[in-house]
Amino acid sequence: MTAAYIQDETEFDALLETEPLFVVDCTASWCGPCKLVAPLIDQLAEEYSDRAKVFKLDLDANKPVAQRFGVRSIPAVMIFKQGELAETVVGAKPYEEFSSALAKYLA
């Protein structure tokens, strides 16, 4: 199972309205560290498939979203709860850091 890409801001806004908890990995094709994080995000999507949705977002194609949430460096993994940005984990981190960040919001 791999995390699906959010196509545009319209889809992103729809998720904010409908998904109680979801994760967005802000990435770009030219970003080296993003390539390290990508398989971890897919692992997160797999492990939490029944509890939270996990997505990827190409920032080159979605600059307005990056600006809205103040994403200045990538990889940046944003966790949204009830339509609000709850936490952002910036940088290439070990899997445990992403999973424990998400797990906090499942209670």
N, C-alpha and C. Protein backbone atom coordinates (compact mmCIF):
# COMPACT_ATOMS: atom_id res chain seq x y z
N MET A 1 0.85 -1.20 0.00
CA MET A 1 0.00 0.00 0.00
C MET A 1 0.88 1.25 0.00
N THR A 2 0.55 2.18 -0.87
CA THR A 2 1.31 3.42 -0.90
C THR A 2 0.38 4.60 -0.66
N ALA A 3 0.93 5.65 -0.12
CA ALA A 3 0.16 6.86 0.14
C ALA A 3 -0.16 7.53 -1.20
N ALA A 4 -1.42 7.90 -1.38
CA ALA A 4 -1.85 8.54 -2.63
C ALA A 4 -1.45 10.01 -2.64
N TYR A 5 -1.28 10.53 -3.84
CA TYR A 5 -0.99 11.96 -3.98
C TYR A 5 -2.27 12.77 -4.00
N ILE A 6 -2.27 13.88 -3.26
CA ILE A 6 -3.36 14.85 -3.34
C ILE A 6 -3.10 15.67 -4.61
N GLN A 7 -4.10 15.78 -5.46
CA GLN A 7 -3.89 16.42 -6.76
C GLN A 7 -3.82 17.94 -6.70
N ASP A 8 -4.69 18.56 -5.92
CA ASP A 8 -4.74 20.02 -5.92
C ASP A 8 -5.36 20.55 -4.63
N GLU A 9 -5.44 21.86 -4.54
CA GLU A 9 -5.94 22.50 -3.33
C GLU A 9 -7.42 22.17 -3.08
N THR A 10 -8.17 21.98 -4.13
CA THR A 10 -9.59 21.64 -3.99
C THR A 10 -9.74 20.31 -3.27
N GLU A 11 -8.95 19.33 -3.70
CA GLU A 11 -8.98 18.01 -3.05
C GLU A 11 -8.51 18.13 -1.60
N PHE A 12 -7.49 18.94 -1.39
CA PHE A 12 -6.95 19.16 -0.06
C PHE A 12 -8.02 19.73 0.87
N ASP A 13 -8.75 20.74 0.38
CA ASP A 13 -9.80 21.37 1.18
C ASP A 13 -10.93 20.39 1.49
N ALA A 14 -11.24 19.53 0.54
CA ALA A 14 -12.27 18.52 0.75
C ALA A 14 -11.86 17.56 1.88
N LEU A 15 -10.58 17.21 1.92
CA LEU A 15 -10.07 16.34 2.98
C LEU A 15 -10.17 17.02 4.34
N LEU A 16 -9.86 18.31 4.37
CA LEU A 16 -9.95 19.05 5.64
C LEU A 16 -11.37 18.99 6.19
N GLU A 17 -12.35 19.01 5.29
CA GLU A 17 -13.74 19.02 5.71
C GLU A 17 -14.26 17.63 6.08
N THR A 18 -13.70 16.59 5.46
CA THR A 18 -14.29 15.26 5.63
C THR A 18 -13.49 14.29 6.47
N GLU A 19 -12.17 14.43 6.51
CA GLU A 19 -11.34 13.46 7.23
C GLU A 19 -11.05 13.92 8.66
N PRO A 20 -11.42 13.11 9.67
CA PRO A 20 -11.14 13.51 11.05
C PRO A 20 -9.65 13.55 11.38
N LEU A 21 -8.87 12.68 10.72
CA LEU A 21 -7.43 12.63 10.98
C LEU A 21 -6.71 12.20 9.72
N PHE A 22 -5.77 13.04 9.25
CA PHE A 22 -4.97 12.61 8.11
C PHE A 22 -3.59 13.24 8.12
N VAL A 23 -2.70 12.60 7.38
CA VAL A 23 -1.29 12.97 7.33
C VAL A 23 -0.96 13.38 5.90
N VAL A 24 -0.17 14.44 5.76
CA VAL A 24 0.27 14.88 4.44
C VAL A 24 1.78 15.02 4.42
N ASP A 25 2.43 14.26 3.57
CA ASP A 25 3.87 14.35 3.39
C ASP A 25 4.13 15.33 2.25
N CYS A 26 4.67 16.51 2.60
CA CYS A 26 5.00 17.51 1.58
C CYS A 26 6.34 17.15 0.97
N THR A 27 6.33 16.95 -0.34
CA THR A 27 7.50 16.41 -1.01
C THR A 27 7.72 17.11 -2.35
N ALA A 28 8.83 16.79 -2.99
CA ALA A 28 9.12 17.30 -4.34
C ALA A 28 10.11 16.35 -5.00
N SER A 29 10.02 16.25 -6.31
CA SER A 29 10.85 15.28 -7.04
C SER A 29 12.35 15.56 -6.92
N TRP A 30 12.73 16.83 -6.73
CA TRP A 30 14.14 17.20 -6.66
C TRP A 30 14.73 17.09 -5.25
N CYS A 31 13.89 16.75 -4.27
CA CYS A 31 14.31 16.76 -2.87
C CYS A 31 14.88 15.40 -2.44
N GLY A 32 16.18 15.35 -2.18
CA GLY A 32 16.85 14.12 -1.79
C GLY A 32 16.30 13.49 -0.52
N PRO A 33 16.25 14.26 0.59
CA PRO A 33 15.72 13.70 1.84
C PRO A 33 14.29 13.20 1.71
N CYS A 34 13.51 13.81 0.80
CA CYS A 34 12.12 13.38 0.60
C CYS A 34 12.07 11.93 0.11
N LYS A 35 13.07 11.55 -0.67
CA LYS A 35 13.12 10.18 -1.19
C LYS A 35 13.36 9.17 -0.06
N LEU A 36 14.05 9.61 0.98
CA LEU A 36 14.29 8.75 2.14
C LEU A 36 13.01 8.58 2.96
N VAL A 37 12.22 9.65 3.02
CA VAL A 37 11.00 9.65 3.83
C VAL A 37 9.86 8.90 3.12
N ALA A 38 9.84 8.93 1.79
CA ALA A 38 8.72 8.36 1.02
C ALA A 38 8.34 6.93 1.43
N PRO A 39 9.30 5.98 1.53
CA PRO A 39 8.90 4.62 1.94
C PRO A 39 8.37 4.56 3.37
N LEU A 40 8.82 5.48 4.23
CA LEU A 40 8.32 5.51 5.61
C LEU A 40 6.87 5.96 5.63
N ILE A 41 6.55 6.90 4.75
CA ILE A 41 5.18 7.40 4.67
C ILE A 41 4.26 6.30 4.13
N ASP A 42 4.76 5.53 3.18
CA ASP A 42 3.98 4.39 2.67
C ASP A 42 3.76 3.36 3.79
N GLN A 43 4.78 3.16 4.61
CA GLN A 43 4.67 2.24 5.75
C GLN A 43 3.63 2.75 6.74
N LEU A 44 3.62 4.06 6.95
CA LEU A 44 2.64 4.69 7.85
C LEU A 44 1.22 4.48 7.30
N ALA A 45 1.07 4.65 6.00
CA ALA A 45 -0.23 4.46 5.35
C ALA A 45 -0.73 3.04 5.56
N GLU A 46 0.20 2.10 5.47
CA GLU A 46 -0.12 0.68 5.65
C GLU A 46 -0.50 0.38 7.10
N GLU A 47 0.34 0.82 8.02
CA GLU A 47 0.14 0.50 9.44
C GLU A 47 -1.12 1.13 10.02
N TYR A 48 -1.43 2.34 9.54
CA TYR A 48 -2.56 3.07 10.12
C TYR A 48 -3.77 3.13 9.19
N SER A 49 -3.80 2.26 8.20
CA SER A 49 -4.84 2.33 7.16
C SER A 49 -6.26 2.35 7.69
N ASP A 50 -6.48 1.69 8.82
CA ASP A 50 -7.84 1.63 9.37
C ASP A 50 -8.14 2.78 10.33
N ARG A 51 -7.13 3.62 10.61
CA ARG A 51 -7.33 4.68 11.61
C ARG A 51 -7.09 6.09 11.12
N ALA A 52 -6.27 6.23 10.08
CA ALA A 52 -5.97 7.56 9.56
C ALA A 52 -5.60 7.46 8.09
N LYS A 53 -5.94 8.48 7.33
CA LYS A 53 -5.56 8.51 5.92
C LYS A 53 -4.18 9.17 5.82
N VAL A 54 -3.37 8.66 4.90
CA VAL A 54 -2.02 9.20 4.71
C VAL A 54 -1.85 9.56 3.24
N PHE A 55 -1.39 10.79 2.99
CA PHE A 55 -1.25 11.28 1.62
C PHE A 55 0.12 11.91 1.40
N LYS A 56 0.43 12.11 0.11
CA LYS A 56 1.61 12.87 -0.27
C LYS A 56 1.13 14.08 -1.07
N LEU A 57 1.93 15.13 -1.04
CA LEU A 57 1.58 16.35 -1.76
C LEU A 57 2.83 16.88 -2.44
N ASP A 58 2.78 16.99 -3.76
CA ASP A 58 3.92 17.55 -4.51
C ASP A 58 3.84 19.06 -4.40
N LEU A 59 4.80 19.64 -3.69
CA LEU A 59 4.74 21.08 -3.44
C LEU A 59 4.97 21.91 -4.68
N ASP A 60 5.70 21.39 -5.65
CA ASP A 60 5.90 22.15 -6.88
C ASP A 60 4.57 22.40 -7.59
N ALA A 61 3.67 21.43 -7.46
CA ALA A 61 2.36 21.55 -8.11
C ALA A 61 1.33 22.21 -7.19
N ASN A 62 1.68 22.39 -5.93
CA ASN A 62 0.72 22.91 -4.95
C ASN A 62 1.33 23.99 -4.05
N LYS A 63 1.94 24.99 -4.67
CA LYS A 63 2.58 26.05 -3.89
C LYS A 63 1.63 26.78 -2.94
N PRO A 64 0.36 27.02 -3.34
CA PRO A 64 -0.56 27.71 -2.43
C PRO A 64 -0.76 26.96 -1.11
N VAL A 65 -0.79 25.63 -1.16
CA VAL A 65 -0.96 24.84 0.05
C VAL A 65 0.26 25.02 0.96
N ALA A 66 1.44 25.00 0.37
CA ALA A 66 2.67 25.19 1.14
C ALA A 66 2.66 26.54 1.82
N GLN A 67 2.24 27.56 1.10
CA GLN A 67 2.21 28.91 1.66
C GLN A 67 1.19 29.01 2.79
N ARG A 68 0.04 28.39 2.58
CA ARG A 68 -1.03 28.44 3.59
C ARG A 68 -0.58 27.90 4.93
N PHE A 69 0.22 26.83 4.91
CA PHE A 69 0.61 26.18 6.15
C PHE A 69 2.06 26.46 6.54
N GLY A 70 2.66 27.43 5.86
CA GLY A 70 3.99 27.88 6.25
C GLY A 70 5.08 26.84 6.08
N VAL A 71 4.93 25.97 5.06
CA VAL A 71 5.96 24.96 4.81
C VAL A 71 7.13 25.63 4.09
N ARG A 72 8.27 25.71 4.77
CA ARG A 72 9.43 26.36 4.18
C ARG A 72 10.54 25.39 3.81
N SER A 73 10.58 24.26 4.50
CA SER A 73 11.58 23.26 4.13
C SER A 73 10.92 21.89 4.10
N ILE A 74 11.40 21.07 3.19
CA ILE A 74 10.83 19.73 3.04
C ILE A 74 11.95 18.70 3.18
N PRO A 75 11.62 17.46 3.51
CA PRO A 75 10.28 16.95 3.74
C PRO A 75 9.63 17.54 5.00
N ALA A 76 8.32 17.79 4.90
CA ALA A 76 7.54 18.24 6.04
C ALA A 76 6.29 17.37 6.08
N VAL A 77 6.09 16.70 7.20
CA VAL A 77 4.94 15.81 7.34
C VAL A 77 3.94 16.48 8.28
N MET A 78 2.79 16.88 7.71
CA MET A 78 1.78 17.60 8.48
C MET A 78 0.69 16.63 8.93
N ILE A 79 0.27 16.78 10.17
CA ILE A 79 -0.82 15.97 10.71
C ILE A 79 -2.01 16.89 10.98
N PHE A 80 -3.14 16.55 10.38
CA PHE A 80 -4.35 17.35 10.55
C PHE A 80 -5.38 16.58 11.35
N LYS A 81 -5.95 17.25 12.35
CA LYS A 81 -7.02 16.64 13.14
C LYS A 81 -8.22 17.58 13.14
N GLN A 82 -9.38 17.05 12.77
CA GLN A 82 -10.63 17.83 12.71
C GLN A 82 -10.44 19.12 11.90
N GLY A 83 -9.72 19.01 10.78
CA GLY A 83 -9.56 20.15 9.89
C GLY A 83 -8.52 21.17 10.29
N GLU A 84 -7.83 20.92 11.40
CA GLU A 84 -6.81 21.86 11.87
C GLU A 84 -5.43 21.21 11.80
N LEU A 85 -4.41 22.02 11.49
CA LEU A 85 -3.04 21.52 11.51
C LEU A 85 -2.63 21.30 12.96
N ALA A 86 -2.37 20.04 13.32
CA ALA A 86 -2.05 19.69 14.71
C ALA A 86 -0.55 19.69 14.95
N GLU A 87 0.21 19.23 13.96
CA GLU A 87 1.65 19.09 14.14
C GLU A 87 2.34 18.97 12.79
N THR A 88 3.57 19.48 12.71
CA THR A 88 4.40 19.30 11.52
C THR A 88 5.75 18.74 11.94
N VAL A 89 6.12 17.62 11.33
CA VAL A 89 7.43 17.01 11.58
C VAL A 89 8.30 17.33 10.36
N VAL A 90 9.35 18.14 10.57
CA VAL A 90 10.19 18.58 9.45
C VAL A 90 11.49 17.80 9.41
N GLY A 91 11.87 17.39 8.19
CA GLY A 91 13.15 16.72 8.00
C GLY A 91 13.03 15.21 7.87
N ALA A 92 14.12 14.59 7.45
CA ALA A 92 14.16 13.13 7.31
C ALA A 92 14.37 12.53 8.69
N LYS A 93 13.31 11.97 9.24
CA LYS A 93 13.34 11.42 10.59
C LYS A 93 13.14 9.91 10.54
N PRO A 94 13.49 9.20 11.62
CA PRO A 94 13.21 7.76 11.64
C PRO A 94 11.71 7.51 11.69
N TYR A 95 11.31 6.34 11.25
CA TYR A 95 9.89 5.97 11.18
C TYR A 95 9.15 6.20 12.50
N GLU A 96 9.81 5.85 13.60
CA GLU A 96 9.18 5.95 14.93
C GLU A 96 8.72 7.37 15.22
N GLU A 97 9.47 8.35 14.71
CA GLU A 97 9.11 9.73 14.99
C GLU A 97 7.79 10.11 14.31
N PHE A 98 7.60 9.61 13.08
CA PHE A 98 6.35 9.87 12.36
C PHE A 98 5.19 9.10 13.00
N SER A 99 5.44 7.83 13.32
CA SER A 99 4.36 7.00 13.86
C SER A 99 3.94 7.46 15.25
N SER A 100 4.89 7.87 16.08
CA SER A 100 4.51 8.32 17.42
C SER A 100 3.81 9.67 17.36
N ALA A 101 4.20 10.52 16.40
CA ALA A 101 3.51 11.81 16.24
C ALA A 101 2.05 11.55 15.86
N LEU A 102 1.82 10.63 14.95
CA LEU A 102 0.45 10.31 14.52
C LEU A 102 -0.34 9.64 15.65
N ALA A 103 0.31 8.72 16.35
CA ALA A 103 -0.36 7.94 17.40
C ALA A 103 -0.95 8.84 18.50
N LYS A 104 -0.30 9.97 18.76
CA LYS A 104 -0.78 10.90 19.78
C LYS A 104 -2.20 11.38 19.50
N TYR A 105 -2.54 11.48 18.22
CA TYR A 105 -3.83 12.06 17.84
C TYR A 105 -4.92 11.01 17.63
N LEU A 106 -4.59 9.75 17.88
CA LEU A 106 -5.57 8.68 17.70
C LEU A 106 -6.40 8.43 18.94
N ALA A 107 -5.96 8.96 20.06
CA ALA A 107 -6.66 8.69 21.33
C ALA A 107 -8.08 9.26 21.31
